[in-house]
């Protein structure tokens, strides 16, 4: 089963979005906790090895989502899919030169659509629309 990890400062909101998206049957949710630090996030990504990261942009005072994704890719070697969950249409990430694979717009429907439309990679399966 494909592993997905959310990196966000609002764990309660993300959990609600996840529950309402209908994605839990096809994807395994790992590492859901509020963003604490870049180092902690690198540890969680290394520990859980998710195939998909869903990242909010405004994470707190230490870093923003673009800085974090750049760090995870450059220093941590993360090469999986990434989804922008900031609700800013990807513009905040692209303004800092960090490309994300899909944009979820911070809605359950947006998350489901983004996950359904990811390019297939080894281990990533297409989602079925919730009934």
C-alpha atoms as a PDB file:
ATOM      1  CA  UNK A   1       0.000   0.000   0.000  1.00  0.00           C
ATOM      2  CA  UNK A   2       1.301   3.456  -0.896  1.00  0.00           C
ATOM      3  CA  UNK A   3       2.457   5.526   2.087  1.00  0.00           C
ATOM      4  CA  UNK A   4       1.467   9.186   2.316  1.00  0.00           C
ATOM      5  CA  UNK A   5       2.744  11.736   4.829  1.00  0.00           C
ATOM      6  CA  UNK A   6       1.326  15.163   5.595  1.00  0.00           C
ATOM      7  CA  UNK A   7       3.626  17.964   6.686  1.00  0.00           C
ATOM      8  CA  UNK A   8       1.584  20.842   8.023  1.00  0.00           C
ATOM      9  CA  UNK A   9       1.148  23.031  11.081  1.00  0.00           C
ATOM     10  CA  UNK A  10      -2.577  22.176  11.359  1.00  0.00           C
ATOM     11  CA  UNK A  11      -2.741  18.454  12.155  1.00  0.00           C
ATOM     12  CA  UNK A  12      -6.424  18.628  13.130  1.00  0.00           C
ATOM     13  CA  UNK A  13      -7.428  20.264   9.837  1.00  0.00           C
ATOM     14  CA  UNK A  14      -5.294  17.862   7.822  1.00  0.00           C
ATOM     15  CA  UNK A  15      -6.795  14.852   9.591  1.00  0.00           C
ATOM     16  CA  UNK A  16     -10.298  16.123   8.824  1.00  0.00           C
ATOM     17  CA  UNK A  17      -9.347  16.684   5.173  1.00  0.00           C
ATOM     18  CA  UNK A  18      -7.895  13.166   5.036  1.00  0.00           C
ATOM     19  CA  UNK A  19     -10.987  11.543   6.545  1.00  0.00           C
ATOM     20  CA  UNK A  20     -13.343  13.359   4.177  1.00  0.00           C
ATOM     21  CA  UNK A  21     -11.245  12.669   1.068  1.00  0.00           C
ATOM     22  CA  UNK A  22     -12.017   8.946   0.945  1.00  0.00           C
ATOM     23  CA  UNK A  23      -8.344   8.126   0.311  1.00  0.00           C
ATOM     24  CA  UNK A  24      -7.772   5.931   3.364  1.00  0.00           C
ATOM     25  CA  UNK A  25      -8.794   2.727   1.578  1.00  0.00           C
ATOM     26  CA  UNK A  26      -6.045   3.014  -1.041  1.00  0.00           C
ATOM     27  CA  UNK A  27      -3.284   4.823   0.853  1.00  0.00           C
ATOM     28  CA  UNK A  28      -1.574   4.339   4.208  1.00  0.00           C
ATOM     29  CA  UNK A  29      -1.353   7.532   6.264  1.00  0.00           C
ATOM     30  CA  UNK A  30       1.973   7.792   8.144  1.00  0.00           C
ATOM     31  CA  UNK A  31       3.600  10.473  10.278  1.00  0.00           C
ATOM     32  CA  UNK A  32       0.697  12.873  10.834  1.00  0.00           C
ATOM     33  CA  UNK A  33       1.764  15.400  13.442  1.00  0.00           C
ATOM     34  CA  UNK A  34       2.104  19.181  13.494  1.00  0.00           C
ATOM     35  CA  UNK A  35       5.283  20.495  11.836  1.00  0.00           C
ATOM     36  CA  UNK A  36       7.951  20.883  14.518  1.00  0.00           C
ATOM     37  CA  UNK A  37      11.255  21.391  12.749  1.00  0.00           C
ATOM     38  CA  UNK A  38      13.153  20.573   9.584  1.00  0.00           C
ATOM     39  CA  UNK A  39      15.306  18.083  11.481  1.00  0.00           C
ATOM     40  CA  UNK A  40      12.275  16.303  12.978  1.00  0.00           C
ATOM     41  CA  UNK A  41      10.593  16.146   9.565  1.00  0.00           C
ATOM     42  CA  UNK A  42      13.730  14.703   7.943  1.00  0.00           C
ATOM     43  CA  UNK A  43      13.766  12.055  10.684  1.00  0.00           C
ATOM     44  CA  UNK A  44      10.086  11.175  10.045  1.00  0.00           C
ATOM     45  CA  UNK A  45      10.552  11.003   6.266  1.00  0.00           C
ATOM     46  CA  UNK A  46      13.620   8.780   6.706  1.00  0.00           C
ATOM     47  CA  UNK A  47      11.774   6.580   9.203  1.00  0.00           C
ATOM     48  CA  UNK A  48       8.499   6.135   7.287  1.00  0.00           C
ATOM     49  CA  UNK A  49       9.797   6.404   3.688  1.00  0.00           C
ATOM     50  CA  UNK A  50       6.557   7.792   2.208  1.00  0.00           C
ATOM     51  CA  UNK A  51       6.029   7.700  -1.544  1.00  0.00           C
ATOM     52  CA  UNK A  52       3.934  10.886  -1.366  1.00  0.00           C
ATOM     53  CA  UNK A  53       4.413  14.049   0.721  1.00  0.00           C
ATOM     54  CA  UNK A  54       1.538  16.523   1.106  1.00  0.00           C
ATOM     55  CA  UNK A  55       3.039  19.815   2.272  1.00  0.00           C
ATOM     56  CA  UNK A  56       1.459  23.012   3.538  1.00  0.00           C
ATOM     57  CA  UNK A  57       3.316  26.237   2.790  1.00  0.00           C
ATOM     58  CA  UNK A  58       3.054  28.202   6.057  1.00  0.00           C
ATOM     59  CA  UNK A  59       4.640  25.810   8.538  1.00  0.00           C
ATOM     60  CA  UNK A  60       5.763  28.216  11.255  1.00  0.00           C
ATOM     61  CA  UNK A  61       8.714  30.360  12.167  1.00  0.00           C
ATOM     62  CA  UNK A  62      11.560  27.966  11.307  1.00  0.00           C
ATOM     63  CA  UNK A  63      10.740  27.263   7.673  1.00  0.00           C
ATOM     64  CA  UNK A  64       8.142  27.382   4.975  1.00  0.00           C
ATOM     65  CA  UNK A  65       7.037  24.476   2.799  1.00  0.00           C
ATOM     66  CA  UNK A  66       9.301  25.400  -0.115  1.00  0.00           C
ATOM     67  CA  UNK A  67      12.397  25.525   2.091  1.00  0.00           C
ATOM     68  CA  UNK A  68      11.458  22.212   3.670  1.00  0.00           C
ATOM     69  CA  UNK A  69      10.857  20.443   0.341  1.00  0.00           C
ATOM     70  CA  UNK A  70      14.120  21.776  -1.052  1.00  0.00           C
ATOM     71  CA  UNK A  71      15.955  20.515   2.039  1.00  0.00           C
ATOM     72  CA  UNK A  72      14.293  17.077   1.944  1.00  0.00           C
ATOM     73  CA  UNK A  73      15.191  16.620  -1.719  1.00  0.00           C
ATOM     74  CA  UNK A  74      18.695  18.078  -1.611  1.00  0.00           C
ATOM     75  CA  UNK A  75      19.925  16.879   1.795  1.00  0.00           C
ATOM     76  CA  UNK A  76      17.614  13.986   2.585  1.00  0.00           C
ATOM     77  CA  UNK A  77      17.516  12.540  -0.919  1.00  0.00           C
ATOM     78  CA  UNK A  78      13.707  12.408  -1.026  1.00  0.00           C
ATOM     79  CA  UNK A  79      12.585  11.563  -4.562  1.00  0.00           C
ATOM     80  CA  UNK A  80       8.878  10.773  -4.143  1.00  0.00           C
ATOM     81  CA  UNK A  81       5.832  12.709  -5.284  1.00  0.00           C
ATOM     82  CA  UNK A  82       4.922  16.023  -3.660  1.00  0.00           C
ATOM     83  CA  UNK A  83       1.572  17.773  -3.349  1.00  0.00           C
ATOM     84  CA  UNK A  84       1.039  21.419  -2.416  1.00  0.00           C
ATOM     85  CA  UNK A  85      -1.655  21.635   0.247  1.00  0.00           C
ATOM     86  CA  UNK A  86      -1.321  25.347   0.981  1.00  0.00           C
ATOM     87  CA  UNK A  87      -4.439  26.532  -0.811  1.00  0.00           C
ATOM     88  CA  UNK A  88      -2.311  28.960  -2.821  1.00  0.00           C
ATOM     89  CA  UNK A  89      -2.508  27.206  -6.193  1.00  0.00           C
ATOM     90  CA  UNK A  90       1.189  26.359  -6.079  1.00  0.00           C
ATOM     91  CA  UNK A  91       2.200  29.991  -6.514  1.00  0.00           C
ATOM     92  CA  UNK A  92       3.982  30.220  -3.154  1.00  0.00           C
ATOM     93  CA  UNK A  93       6.104  27.170  -3.891  1.00  0.00           C
ATOM     94  CA  UNK A  94       6.893  28.143  -7.477  1.00  0.00           C
ATOM     95  CA  UNK A  95       7.805  31.687  -6.398  1.00  0.00           C
ATOM     96  CA  UNK A  96      10.637  30.112  -4.418  1.00  0.00           C
ATOM     97  CA  UNK A  97      11.652  27.802  -7.232  1.00  0.00           C
ATOM     98  CA  UNK A  98      10.246  24.587  -5.756  1.00  0.00           C
ATOM     99  CA  UNK A  99       8.029  22.569  -8.064  1.00  0.00           C
ATOM    100  CA  UNK A 100       5.287  20.322  -6.685  1.00  0.00           C
ATOM    101  CA  UNK A 101       3.658  17.510  -8.641  1.00  0.00           C
ATOM    102  CA  UNK A 102       0.043  18.398  -7.865  1.00  0.00           C
ATOM    103  CA  UNK A 103      -1.993  21.002  -5.994  1.00  0.00           C
ATOM    104  CA  UNK A 104      -4.650  19.945  -3.465  1.00  0.00           C
ATOM    105  CA  UNK A 105      -6.116  23.368  -2.570  1.00  0.00           C
ATOM    106  CA  UNK A 106      -6.667  22.231   1.023  1.00  0.00           C
ATOM    107  CA  UNK A 107     -10.040  20.593   0.375  1.00  0.00           C
ATOM    108  CA  UNK A 108     -10.971  16.898   0.626  1.00  0.00           C
ATOM    109  CA  UNK A 109     -12.050  16.907  -3.024  1.00  0.00           C
ATOM    110  CA  UNK A 110      -8.846  18.642  -4.073  1.00  0.00           C
ATOM    111  CA  UNK A 111      -6.743  16.155  -2.146  1.00  0.00           C
ATOM    112  CA  UNK A 112      -8.536  13.197  -3.699  1.00  0.00           C
ATOM    113  CA  UNK A 113      -8.195  14.666  -7.199  1.00  0.00           C
ATOM    114  CA  UNK A 114      -4.486  15.390  -6.699  1.00  0.00           C
ATOM    115  CA  UNK A 115      -3.788  11.878  -5.439  1.00  0.00           C
ATOM    116  CA  UNK A 116      -5.858  10.306  -8.190  1.00  0.00           C
ATOM    117  CA  UNK A 117      -3.987  12.255 -10.861  1.00  0.00           C
ATOM    118  CA  UNK A 118      -0.441  11.548  -9.697  1.00  0.00           C
ATOM    119  CA  UNK A 119       1.743   9.974 -12.336  1.00  0.00           C
ATOM    120  CA  UNK A 120       2.027   6.312 -11.551  1.00  0.00           C
ATOM    121  CA  UNK A 121       5.267   5.384  -9.873  1.00  0.00           C
ATOM    122  CA  UNK A 122       6.251   1.960  -8.566  1.00  0.00           C
ATOM    123  CA  UNK A 123       4.074   1.381  -5.512  1.00  0.00           C
ATOM    124  CA  UNK A 124       1.506   4.116  -6.229  1.00  0.00           C
ATOM    125  CA  UNK A 125      -1.918   2.894  -7.128  1.00  0.00           C
ATOM    126  CA  UNK A 126      -4.800   4.795  -8.653  1.00  0.00           C
ATOM    127  CA  UNK A 127      -7.577   5.722  -6.261  1.00  0.00           C
ATOM    128  CA  UNK A 128     -11.205   4.827  -6.703  1.00  0.00           C
ATOM    129  CA  UNK A 129     -13.725   7.631  -6.355  1.00  0.00           C
ATOM    130  CA  UNK A 130     -15.558   7.452  -3.029  1.00  0.00           C
ATOM    131  CA  UNK A 131     -19.172   6.300  -3.363  1.00  0.00           C
END
